[in-house]
Amino acid sequence: MRAMRYLIFDFSDGDDGIATLEAMASTRAAEHAAVLAEARQVLDWAQAHFPGRQGPVEDGNAWDHELLVQQEEGGWLTVTLTLSASPEFLAAFLEVYDEIDDD
């Protein structure tokens, strides 16, 4: 299992069989590069294990993502990484990443 320091994913399963994995981290500027490195690690893993299969999951692809970076008041930066996942992608993701909160 790969451990994350900043990103902990929340999991929700849609009625359409498409899962959503979302992680958010708010940090000071000094830690921003480390958060982005974790997001890049996840995206690199997804691209390596499901090459050519990124795109809208409802169109038959295995996964898709959205990465948002926002400047907040007080010098905080918020990074949000959202993954849409097919059942196949979700199963593989759960085998590798243990930072899942499914409450």
PDB file of N, CA and C in Angstrom:
ATOM      1  N   MET A   1       0.832  -1.186   0.000  1.00  0.00           N
ATOM      2  CA  MET A   1       0.000   0.000   0.000  1.00  0.00           C
ATOM      3  C   MET A   1       0.877   1.249   0.000  1.00  0.00           C
ATOM      4  N   ARG A   2       0.447   2.226  -0.750  1.00  0.00           N
ATOM      5  CA  ARG A   2       1.163   3.501  -0.792  1.00  0.00           C
ATOM      6  C   ARG A   2       0.517   4.453   0.198  1.00  0.00           C
ATOM      7  N   ALA A   3       1.330   5.058   1.025  1.00  0.00           N
ATOM      8  CA  ALA A   3       0.821   5.990   2.027  1.00  0.00           C
ATOM      9  C   ALA A   3       0.920   7.415   1.504  1.00  0.00           C
ATOM     10  N   MET A   4      -0.050   8.199   1.869  1.00  0.00           N
ATOM     11  CA  MET A   4      -0.075   9.613   1.529  1.00  0.00           C
ATOM     12  C   MET A   4       0.041  10.418   2.816  1.00  0.00           C
ATOM     13  N   ARG A   5       0.676  11.549   2.721  1.00  0.00           N
ATOM     14  CA  ARG A   5       0.781  12.426   3.884  1.00  0.00           C
ATOM     15  C   ARG A   5      -0.332  13.463   3.894  1.00  0.00           C
ATOM     16  N   TYR A   6      -0.723  13.936   2.717  1.00  0.00           N
ATOM     17  CA  TYR A   6      -1.689  15.032   2.631  1.00  0.00           C
ATOM     18  C   TYR A   6      -3.053  14.616   2.091  1.00  0.00           C
ATOM     19  N   LEU A   7      -3.066  13.781   1.078  1.00  0.00           N
ATOM     20  CA  LEU A   7      -4.321  13.444   0.410  1.00  0.00           C
ATOM     21  C   LEU A   7      -4.946  12.189   1.009  1.00  0.00           C
ATOM     22  N   ILE A   8      -6.173  12.336   1.470  1.00  0.00           N
ATOM     23  CA  ILE A   8      -6.976  11.209   1.936  1.00  0.00           C
ATOM     24  C   ILE A   8      -8.254  11.234   1.103  1.00  0.00           C
ATOM     25  N   PHE A   9      -8.521  10.151   0.413  1.00  0.00           N
ATOM     26  CA  PHE A   9      -9.630  10.112  -0.519  1.00  0.00           C
ATOM     27  C   PHE A   9     -10.930   9.720   0.168  1.00  0.00           C
ATOM     28  N   ASP A  10     -11.990  10.460  -0.161  1.00  0.00           N
ATOM     29  CA  ASP A  10     -13.357  10.083   0.204  1.00  0.00           C
ATOM     30  C   ASP A  10     -13.923   9.316  -0.982  1.00  0.00           C
ATOM     31  N   PHE A  11     -14.661   8.277  -0.686  1.00  0.00           N
ATOM     32  CA  PHE A  11     -15.191   7.394  -1.706  1.00  0.00           C
ATOM     33  C   PHE A  11     -16.714   7.458  -1.695  1.00  0.00           C
ATOM     34  N   SER A  12     -17.297   7.561  -2.881  1.00  0.00           N
ATOM     35  CA  SER A  12     -18.744   7.423  -3.017  1.00  0.00           C
ATOM     36  C   SER A  12     -19.021   6.625  -4.279  1.00  0.00           C
ATOM     37  N   ASP A  13     -20.053   5.814  -4.211  1.00  0.00           N
ATOM     38  CA  ASP A  13     -20.418   4.948  -5.325  1.00  0.00           C
ATOM     39  C   ASP A  13     -21.740   5.436  -5.891  1.00  0.00           C
ATOM     40  N   GLY A  14     -21.758   5.757  -7.172  1.00  0.00           N
ATOM     41  CA  GLY A  14     -22.972   6.258  -7.803  1.00  0.00           C
ATOM     42  C   GLY A  14     -23.921   5.139  -8.193  1.00  0.00           C
ATOM     43  N   ASP A  15     -25.171   5.499  -8.391  1.00  0.00           N
ATOM     44  CA  ASP A  15     -26.186   4.536  -8.826  1.00  0.00           C
ATOM     45  C   ASP A  15     -25.887   3.979 -10.216  1.00  0.00           C
ATOM     46  N   ASP A  16     -25.057   4.698 -10.973  1.00  0.00           N
ATOM     47  CA  ASP A  16     -24.737   4.297 -12.333  1.00  0.00           C
ATOM     48  C   ASP A  16     -23.509   3.389 -12.409  1.00  0.00           C
ATOM     49  N   GLY A  17     -22.957   2.978 -11.243  1.00  0.00           N
ATOM     50  CA  GLY A  17     -21.792   2.107 -11.217  1.00  0.00           C
ATOM     51  C   GLY A  17     -20.471   2.844 -11.318  1.00  0.00           C
ATOM     52  N   ILE A  18     -20.522   4.163 -11.395  1.00  0.00           N
ATOM     53  CA  ILE A  18     -19.300   4.967 -11.458  1.00  0.00           C
ATOM     54  C   ILE A  18     -18.975   5.460 -10.054  1.00  0.00           C
ATOM     55  N   ALA A  19     -17.777   5.159  -9.603  1.00  0.00           N
ATOM     56  CA  ALA A  19     -17.334   5.593  -8.282  1.00  0.00           C
ATOM     57  C   ALA A  19     -16.654   6.954  -8.397  1.00  0.00           C
ATOM     58  N   THR A  20     -16.707   7.701  -7.315  1.00  0.00           N
ATOM     59  CA  THR A  20     -16.006   8.979  -7.233  1.00  0.00           C
ATOM     60  C   THR A  20     -15.053   8.922  -6.059  1.00  0.00           C
ATOM     61  N   LEU A  21     -13.805   9.269  -6.313  1.00  0.00           N
ATOM     62  CA  LEU A  21     -12.773   9.369  -5.285  1.00  0.00           C
ATOM     63  C   LEU A  21     -12.336  10.821  -5.259  1.00  0.00           C
ATOM     64  N   GLU A  22     -12.447  11.458  -4.092  1.00  0.00           N
ATOM     65  CA  GLU A  22     -12.090  12.864  -3.999  1.00  0.00           C
ATOM     66  C   GLU A  22     -11.184  13.096  -2.800  1.00  0.00           C
ATOM     67  N   ALA A  23     -10.119  13.846  -3.027  1.00  0.00           N
ATOM     68  CA  ALA A  23      -9.183  14.198  -1.958  1.00  0.00           C
ATOM     69  C   ALA A  23      -8.939  15.695  -2.010  1.00  0.00           C
ATOM     70  N   MET A  24      -8.802  16.289  -0.819  1.00  0.00           N
ATOM     71  CA  MET A  24      -8.535  17.714  -0.730  1.00  0.00           C
ATOM     72  C   MET A  24      -7.496  17.946   0.352  1.00  0.00           C
ATOM     73  N   ALA A  25      -6.594  18.881   0.096  1.00  0.00           N
ATOM     74  CA  ALA A  25      -5.605  19.265   1.098  1.00  0.00           C
ATOM     75  C   ALA A  25      -5.434  20.775   1.044  1.00  0.00           C
ATOM     76  N   SER A  26      -5.484  21.402   2.203  1.00  0.00           N
ATOM     77  CA  SER A  26      -5.222  22.834   2.325  1.00  0.00           C
ATOM     78  C   SER A  26      -3.933  23.004   3.111  1.00  0.00           C
ATOM     79  N   THR A  27      -2.980  23.673   2.508  1.00  0.00           N
ATOM     80  CA  THR A  27      -1.668  23.834   3.129  1.00  0.00           C
ATOM     81  C   THR A  27      -1.145  25.241   2.896  1.00  0.00           C
ATOM     82  N   ARG A  28      -0.110  25.552   3.623  1.00  0.00           N
ATOM     83  CA  ARG A  28       0.640  26.784   3.378  1.00  0.00           C
ATOM     84  C   ARG A  28       1.485  26.587   2.116  1.00  0.00           C
ATOM     85  N   ALA A  29       1.950  27.659   1.560  1.00  0.00           N
ATOM     86  CA  ALA A  29       2.714  27.612   0.307  1.00  0.00           C
ATOM     87  C   ALA A  29       3.934  26.693   0.401  1.00  0.00           C
ATOM     88  N   ALA A  30       4.561  26.615   1.557  1.00  0.00           N
ATOM     89  CA  ALA A  30       5.767  25.796   1.710  1.00  0.00           C
ATOM     90  C   ALA A  30       5.499  24.308   1.484  1.00  0.00           C
ATOM     91  N   GLU A  31       4.270  23.860   1.713  1.00  0.00           N
ATOM     92  CA  GLU A  31       3.929  22.444   1.557  1.00  0.00           C
ATOM     93  C   GLU A  31       3.211  22.155   0.244  1.00  0.00           C
ATOM     94  N   HIS A  32       2.953  23.177  -0.536  1.00  0.00           N
ATOM     95  CA  HIS A  32       2.169  23.029  -1.757  1.00  0.00           C
ATOM     96  C   HIS A  32       2.805  22.053  -2.750  1.00  0.00           C
ATOM     97  N   ALA A  33       4.112  22.129  -2.909  1.00  0.00           N
ATOM     98  CA  ALA A  33       4.797  21.227  -3.849  1.00  0.00           C
ATOM     99  C   ALA A  33       4.630  19.772  -3.436  1.00  0.00           C
ATOM    100  N   ALA A  34       4.645  19.491  -2.145  1.00  0.00           N
ATOM    101  CA  ALA A  34       4.484  18.114  -1.661  1.00  0.00           C
ATOM    102  C   ALA A  34       3.077  17.598  -1.951  1.00  0.00           C
ATOM    103  N   VAL A  35       2.078  18.451  -1.807  1.00  0.00           N
ATOM    104  CA  VAL A  35       0.695  18.045  -2.111  1.00  0.00           C
ATOM    105  C   VAL A  35       0.562  17.754  -3.601  1.00  0.00           C
ATOM    106  N   LEU A  36       1.097  18.641  -4.429  1.00  0.00           N
ATOM    107  CA  LEU A  36       1.026  18.407  -5.878  1.00  0.00           C
ATOM    108  C   LEU A  36       1.788  17.150  -6.283  1.00  0.00           C
ATOM    109  N   ALA A  37       2.876  16.842  -5.585  1.00  0.00           N
ATOM    110  CA  ALA A  37       3.629  15.615  -5.875  1.00  0.00           C
ATOM    111  C   ALA A  37       2.780  14.381  -5.570  1.00  0.00           C
ATOM    112  N   GLU A  38       2.008  14.426  -4.490  1.00  0.00           N
ATOM    113  CA  GLU A  38       1.114  13.297  -4.191  1.00  0.00           C
ATOM    114  C   GLU A  38       0.053  13.155  -5.272  1.00  0.00           C
ATOM    115  N   ALA A  39      -0.524  14.264  -5.700  1.00  0.00           N
ATOM    116  CA  ALA A  39      -1.528  14.213  -6.771  1.00  0.00           C
ATOM    117  C   ALA A  39      -0.901  13.650  -8.042  1.00  0.00           C
ATOM    118  N   ARG A  40       0.308  14.076  -8.365  1.00  0.00           N
ATOM    119  CA  ARG A  40       1.002  13.587  -9.552  1.00  0.00           C
ATOM    120  C   ARG A  40       1.279  12.091  -9.435  1.00  0.00           C
ATOM    121  N   GLN A  41       1.619  11.623  -8.234  1.00  0.00           N
ATOM    122  CA  GLN A  41       1.870  10.198  -8.007  1.00  0.00           C
ATOM    123  C   GLN A  41       0.626   9.379  -8.345  1.00  0.00           C
ATOM    124  N   VAL A  42      -0.528   9.841  -7.896  1.00  0.00           N
ATOM    125  CA  VAL A  42      -1.783   9.134  -8.176  1.00  0.00           C
ATOM    126  C   VAL A  42      -2.068   9.136  -9.675  1.00  0.00           C
ATOM    127  N   LEU A  43      -1.921  10.290 -10.316  1.00  0.00           N
ATOM    128  CA  LEU A  43      -2.203  10.381 -11.751  1.00  0.00           C
ATOM    129  C   LEU A  43      -1.207   9.570 -12.571  1.00  0.00           C
ATOM    130  N   ASP A  44       0.054   9.568 -12.165  1.00  0.00           N
ATOM    131  CA  ASP A  44       1.047   8.741 -12.859  1.00  0.00           C
ATOM    132  C   ASP A  44       0.709   7.260 -12.731  1.00  0.00           C
ATOM    133  N   TRP A  45       0.285   6.850 -11.542  1.00  0.00           N
ATOM    134  CA  TRP A  45      -0.119   5.452 -11.334  1.00  0.00           C
ATOM    135  C   TRP A  45      -1.295   5.109 -12.260  1.00  0.00           C
ATOM    136  N   ALA A  46      -2.305   5.985 -12.291  1.00  0.00           N
ATOM    137  CA  ALA A  46      -3.492   5.730 -13.122  1.00  0.00           C
ATOM    138  C   ALA A  46      -3.115   5.616 -14.597  1.00  0.00           C
ATOM    139  N   GLN A  47      -2.258   6.508 -15.069  1.00  0.00           N
ATOM    140  CA  GLN A  47      -1.860   6.473 -16.473  1.00  0.00           C
ATOM    141  C   GLN A  47      -1.016   5.247 -16.793  1.00  0.00           C
ATOM    142  N   ALA A  48      -0.195   4.813 -15.842  1.00  0.00           N
ATOM    143  CA  ALA A  48       0.651   3.640 -16.073  1.00  0.00           C
ATOM    144  C   ALA A  48      -0.161   2.344 -16.071  1.00  0.00           C
ATOM    145  N   HIS A  49      -1.177   2.256 -15.220  1.00  0.00           N
ATOM    146  CA  HIS A  49      -1.937   1.010 -15.086  1.00  0.00           C
ATOM    147  C   HIS A  49      -3.173   0.948 -15.987  1.00  0.00           C
ATOM    148  N   PHE A  50      -3.610   2.092 -16.478  1.00  0.00           N
ATOM    149  CA  PHE A  50      -4.765   2.140 -17.378  1.00  0.00           C
ATOM    150  C   PHE A  50      -4.445   3.078 -18.557  1.00  0.00           C
ATOM    151  N   PRO A  51      -3.368   2.769 -19.295  1.00  0.00           N
ATOM    152  CA  PRO A  51      -2.952   3.656 -20.383  1.00  0.00           C
ATOM    153  C   PRO A  51      -4.001   3.718 -21.491  1.00  0.00           C
ATOM    154  N   GLY A  52      -4.219   4.931 -21.964  1.00  0.00           N
ATOM    155  CA  GLY A  52      -5.170   5.116 -23.051  1.00  0.00           C
ATOM    156  C   GLY A  52      -6.610   4.922 -22.653  1.00  0.00           C
ATOM    157  N   ARG A  53      -6.866   4.816 -21.352  1.00  0.00           N
ATOM    158  CA  ARG A  53      -8.236   4.543 -20.893  1.00  0.00           C
ATOM    159  C   ARG A  53      -8.783   5.669 -20.037  1.00  0.00           C
ATOM    160  N   GLN A  54      -8.187   6.871 -20.171  1.00  0.00           N
ATOM    161  CA  GLN A  54      -8.675   8.035 -19.446  1.00  0.00           C
ATOM    162  C   GLN A  54      -9.688   8.773 -20.302  1.00  0.00           C
ATOM    163  N   GLY A  55     -10.772   9.167 -19.678  1.00  0.00           N
ATOM    164  CA  GLY A  55     -11.829   9.911 -20.351  1.00  0.00           C
ATOM    165  C   GLY A  55     -13.124   9.669 -19.609  1.00  0.00           C
ATOM    166  N   PRO A  56     -14.217  10.195 -20.104  1.00  0.00           N
ATOM    167  CA  PRO A  56     -15.486  10.023 -19.402  1.00  0.00           C
ATOM    168  C   PRO A  56     -15.801   8.542 -19.161  1.00  0.00           C
ATOM    169  N   VAL A  57     -15.982   8.195 -17.909  1.00  0.00           N
ATOM    170  CA  VAL A  57     -16.246   6.800 -17.540  1.00  0.00           C
ATOM    171  C   VAL A  57     -17.591   6.349 -18.101  1.00  0.00           C
ATOM    172  N   GLU A  58     -18.540   7.270 -18.169  1.00  0.00           N
ATOM    173  CA  GLU A  58     -19.854   6.910 -18.715  1.00  0.00           C
ATOM    174  C   GLU A  58     -19.788   6.564 -20.198  1.00  0.00           C
ATOM    175  N   ASP A  59     -18.673   6.911 -20.851  1.00  0.00           N
ATOM    176  CA  ASP A  59     -18.466   6.557 -22.254  1.00  0.00           C
ATOM    177  C   ASP A  59     -17.625   5.291 -22.422  1.00  0.00           C
ATOM    178  N   GLY A  60     -17.383   4.576 -21.304  1.00  0.00           N
ATOM    179  CA  GLY A  60     -16.662   3.313 -21.379  1.00  0.00           C
ATOM    180  C   GLY A  60     -15.195   3.380 -20.997  1.00  0.00           C
ATOM    181  N   ASN A  61     -14.706   4.535 -20.617  1.00  0.00           N
ATOM    182  CA  ASN A  61     -13.320   4.644 -20.176  1.00  0.00           C
ATOM    183  C   ASN A  61     -13.189   4.151 -18.735  1.00  0.00           C
ATOM    184  N   ALA A  62     -11.951   3.893 -18.313  1.00  0.00           N
ATOM    185  CA  ALA A  62     -11.710   3.347 -16.977  1.00  0.00           C
ATOM    186  C   ALA A  62     -11.675   4.423 -15.899  1.00  0.00           C
ATOM    187  N   TRP A  63     -11.191   5.608 -16.264  1.00  0.00           N
ATOM    188  CA  TRP A  63     -11.045   6.649 -15.246  1.00  0.00           C
ATOM    189  C   TRP A  63     -10.943   8.026 -15.895  1.00  0.00           C
ATOM    190  N   ASP A  64     -11.198   9.026 -15.076  1.00  0.00           N
ATOM    191  CA  ASP A  64     -11.018  10.407 -15.478  1.00  0.00           C
ATOM    192  C   ASP A  64     -10.683  11.205 -14.223  1.00  0.00           C
ATOM    193  N   HIS A  65     -10.232  12.421 -14.398  1.00  0.00           N
ATOM    194  CA  HIS A  65      -9.877  13.207 -13.217  1.00  0.00           C
ATOM    195  C   HIS A  65     -10.087  14.697 -13.439  1.00  0.00           C
ATOM    196  N   GLU A  66     -10.130  15.393 -12.314  1.00  0.00           N
ATOM    197  CA  GLU A  66     -10.132  16.849 -12.296  1.00  0.00           C
ATOM    198  C   GLU A  66      -9.214  17.267 -11.162  1.00  0.00           C
ATOM    199  N   LEU A  67      -8.306  18.178 -11.441  1.00  0.00           N
ATOM    200  CA  LEU A  67      -7.368  18.692 -10.438  1.00  0.00           C
ATOM    201  C   LEU A  67      -7.574  20.194 -10.358  1.00  0.00           C
ATOM    202  N   LEU A  68      -7.954  20.660  -9.177  1.00  0.00           N
ATOM    203  CA  LEU A  68      -8.184  22.082  -8.954  1.00  0.00           C
ATOM    204  C   LEU A  68      -7.203  22.594  -7.912  1.00  0.00           C
ATOM    205  N   VAL A  69      -6.663  23.784  -8.160  1.00  0.00           N
ATOM    206  CA  VAL A  69      -5.782  24.450  -7.207  1.00  0.00           C
ATOM    207  C   VAL A  69      -6.350  25.844  -6.981  1.00  0.00           C
ATOM    208  N   GLN A  70      -6.602  26.166  -5.707  1.00  0.00           N
ATOM    209  CA  GLN A  70      -7.190  27.455  -5.379  1.00  0.00           C
ATOM    210  C   GLN A  70      -6.357  28.170  -4.332  1.00  0.00           C
ATOM    211  N   GLN A  71      -6.170  29.477  -4.541  1.00  0.00           N
ATOM    212  CA  GLN A  71      -5.510  30.329  -3.551  1.00  0.00           C
ATOM    213  C   GLN A  71      -6.574  30.765  -2.555  1.00  0.00           C
ATOM    214  N   GLU A  72      -6.328  30.542  -1.275  1.00  0.00           N
ATOM    215  CA  GLU A  72      -7.277  30.903  -0.227  1.00  0.00           C
ATOM    216  C   GLU A  72      -6.724  32.075   0.576  1.00  0.00           C
ATOM    217  N   GLU A  73      -7.571  32.638   1.414  1.00  0.00           N
ATOM    218  CA  GLU A  73      -7.146  33.735   2.279  1.00  0.00           C
ATOM    219  C   GLU A  73      -6.080  33.262   3.260  1.00  0.00           C
ATOM    220  N   GLY A  74      -5.232  34.178   3.666  1.00  0.00           N
ATOM    221  CA  GLY A  74      -4.233  33.866   4.673  1.00  0.00           C
ATOM    222  C   GLY A  74      -3.044  33.077   4.160  1.00  0.00           C
ATOM    223  N   GLY A  75      -2.863  33.012   2.844  1.00  0.00           N
ATOM    224  CA  GLY A  75      -1.714  32.296   2.296  1.00  0.00           C
ATOM    225  C   GLY A  75      -1.904  30.803   2.151  1.00  0.00           C
ATOM    226  N   TRP A  76      -3.118  30.310   2.302  1.00  0.00           N
ATOM    227  CA  TRP A  76      -3.395  28.884   2.154  1.00  0.00           C
ATOM    228  C   TRP A  76      -3.658  28.553   0.690  1.00  0.00           C
ATOM    229  N   LEU A  77      -3.270  27.347   0.296  1.00  0.00           N
ATOM    230  CA  LEU A  77      -3.555  26.809  -1.029  1.00  0.00           C
ATOM    231  C   LEU A  77      -4.346  25.521  -0.852  1.00  0.00           C
ATOM    232  N   THR A  78      -5.409  25.377  -1.612  1.00  0.00           N
ATOM    233  CA  THR A  78      -6.230  24.167  -1.546  1.00  0.00           C
ATOM    234  C   THR A  78      -6.131  23.416  -2.859  1.00  0.00           C
ATOM    235  N   VAL A  79      -5.788  22.149  -2.756  1.00  0.00           N
ATOM    236  CA  VAL A  79      -5.702  21.255  -3.912  1.00  0.00           C
ATOM    237  C   VAL A  79      -6.812  20.221  -3.771  1.00  0.00           C
ATOM    238  N   THR A  80      -7.602  20.070  -4.816  1.00  0.00           N
ATOM    239  CA  THR A  80      -8.658  19.061  -4.836  1.00  0.00           C
ATOM    240  C   THR A  80      -8.432  18.165  -6.050  1.00  0.00           C
ATOM    241  N   LEU A  81      -8.336  16.863  -5.800  1.00  0.00           N
ATOM    242  CA  LEU A  81      -8.195  15.873  -6.868  1.00  0.00           C
ATOM    243  C   LEU A  81      -9.419  14.967  -6.829  1.00  0.00           C
ATOM    244  N   THR A  82     -10.149  14.943  -7.927  1.00  0.00           N
ATOM    245  CA  THR A  82     -11.340  14.106  -8.037  1.00  0.00           C
ATOM    246  C   THR A  82     -11.126  13.096  -9.159  1.00  0.00           C
ATOM    247  N   LEU A  83     -11.351  11.829  -8.851  1.00  0.00           N
ATOM    248  CA  LEU A  83     -11.253  10.760  -9.836  1.00  0.00           C
ATOM    249  C   LEU A  83     -12.626  10.139 -10.038  1.00  0.00           C
ATOM    250  N   SER A  84     -13.009   9.939 -11.283  1.00  0.00           N
ATOM    251  CA  SER A  84     -14.168   9.117 -11.622  1.00  0.00           C
ATOM    252  C   SER A  84     -13.598   7.757 -11.985  1.00  0.00           C
ATOM    253  N   ALA A  85     -14.238   6.698 -11.484  1.00  0.00           N
ATOM    254  CA  ALA A  85     -13.631   5.379 -11.620  1.00  0.00           C
ATOM    255  C   ALA A  85     -14.642   4.310 -12.023  1.00  0.00           C
ATOM    256  N   SER A  86     -14.224   3.486 -12.962  1.00  0.00           N
ATOM    257  CA  SER A  86     -14.980   2.281 -13.292  1.00  0.00           C
ATOM    258  C   SER A  86     -14.755   1.267 -12.169  1.00  0.00           C
ATOM    259  N   PRO A  87     -15.571   0.221 -12.083  1.00  0.00           N
ATOM    260  CA  PRO A  87     -15.338  -0.800 -11.065  1.00  0.00           C
ATOM    261  C   PRO A  87     -13.940  -1.413 -11.149  1.00  0.00           C
ATOM    262  N   GLU A  88     -13.436  -1.623 -12.356  1.00  0.00           N
ATOM    263  CA  GLU A  88     -12.104  -2.193 -12.552  1.00  0.00           C
ATOM    264  C   GLU A  88     -11.024  -1.252 -12.002  1.00  0.00           C
ATOM    265  N   PHE A  89     -11.136   0.028 -12.305  1.00  0.00           N
ATOM    266  CA  PHE A  89     -10.167   1.009 -11.822  1.00  0.00           C
ATOM    267  C   PHE A  89     -10.235   1.112 -10.303  1.00  0.00           C
ATOM    268  N   LEU A  90     -11.444   1.169  -9.772  1.00  0.00           N
ATOM    269  CA  LEU A  90     -11.620   1.288  -8.322  1.00  0.00           C
ATOM    270  C   LEU A  90     -10.975   0.118  -7.593  1.00  0.00           C
ATOM    271  N   ALA A  91     -11.186  -1.086  -8.069  1.00  0.00           N
ATOM    272  CA  ALA A  91     -10.600  -2.270  -7.428  1.00  0.00           C
ATOM    273  C   ALA A  91      -9.073  -2.180  -7.415  1.00  0.00           C
ATOM    274  N   ALA A  92      -8.485  -1.780  -8.530  1.00  0.00           N
ATOM    275  CA  ALA A  92      -7.029  -1.651  -8.601  1.00  0.00           C
ATOM    276  C   ALA A  92      -6.538  -0.533  -7.698  1.00  0.00           C
ATOM    277  N   PHE A  93      -7.249   0.572  -7.665  1.00  0.00           N
ATOM    278  CA  PHE A  93      -6.878   1.714  -6.818  1.00  0.00           C
ATOM    279  C   PHE A  93      -6.888   1.315  -5.346  1.00  0.00           C
ATOM    280  N   LEU A  94      -7.922   0.601  -4.931  1.00  0.00           N
ATOM    281  CA  LEU A  94      -8.044   0.205  -3.527  1.00  0.00           C
ATOM    282  C   LEU A  94      -6.964  -0.782  -3.098  1.00  0.00           C
ATOM    283  N   GLU A  95      -6.411  -1.530  -4.035  1.00  0.00           N
ATOM    284  CA  GLU A  95      -5.311  -2.434  -3.716  1.00  0.00           C
ATOM    285  C   GLU A  95      -4.006  -1.681  -3.453  1.00  0.00           C
ATOM    286  N   VAL A  96      -3.877  -0.498  -4.034  1.00  0.00           N
ATOM    287  CA  VAL A  96      -2.623   0.250  -3.963  1.00  0.00           C
ATOM    288  C   VAL A  96      -2.666   1.345  -2.909  1.00  0.00           C
ATOM    289  N   TYR A  97      -3.769   2.064  -2.821  1.00  0.00           N
ATOM    290  CA  TYR A  97      -3.858   3.225  -1.932  1.00  0.00           C
ATOM    291  C   TYR A  97      -4.751   2.906  -0.746  1.00  0.00           C
ATOM    292  N   ASP A  98      -4.209   3.151   0.444  1.00  0.00           N
ATOM    293  CA  ASP A  98      -4.970   2.827   1.654  1.00  0.00           C
ATOM    294  C   ASP A  98      -5.575   4.063   2.321  1.00  0.00           C
ATOM    295  N   GLU A  99      -5.456   5.227   1.690  1.00  0.00           N
ATOM    296  CA  GLU A  99      -5.988   6.455   2.250  1.00  0.00           C
ATOM    297  C   GLU A  99      -7.416   6.686   1.735  1.00  0.00           C
ATOM    298  N   ILE A 100      -8.334   5.814   2.124  1.00  0.00           N
ATOM    299  CA  ILE A 100      -9.721   5.915   1.687  1.00  0.00           C
ATOM    300  C   ILE A 100     -10.612   6.045   2.900  1.00  0.00           C
ATOM    301  N   ASP A 101     -11.493   7.030   2.875  1.00  0.00           N
ATOM    302  CA  ASP A 101     -12.504   7.220   3.911  1.00  0.00           C
ATOM    303  C   ASP A 101     -13.846   6.966   3.258  1.00  0.00           C
ATOM    304  N   ASP A 102     -14.482   5.851   3.599  1.00  0.00           N
ATOM    305  CA  ASP A 102     -15.757   5.510   2.956  1.00  0.00           C
ATOM    306  C   ASP A 102     -16.946   5.656   3.894  1.00  0.00           C
ATOM    307  N   ASP A 103     -16.810   6.513   4.884  1.00  0.00           N
ATOM    308  CA  ASP A 103     -17.926   6.754   5.814  1.00  0.00           C
ATOM    309  C   ASP A 103     -19.007   7.562   5.179  1.00  0.00           C
TER     310      ASP A 103
END
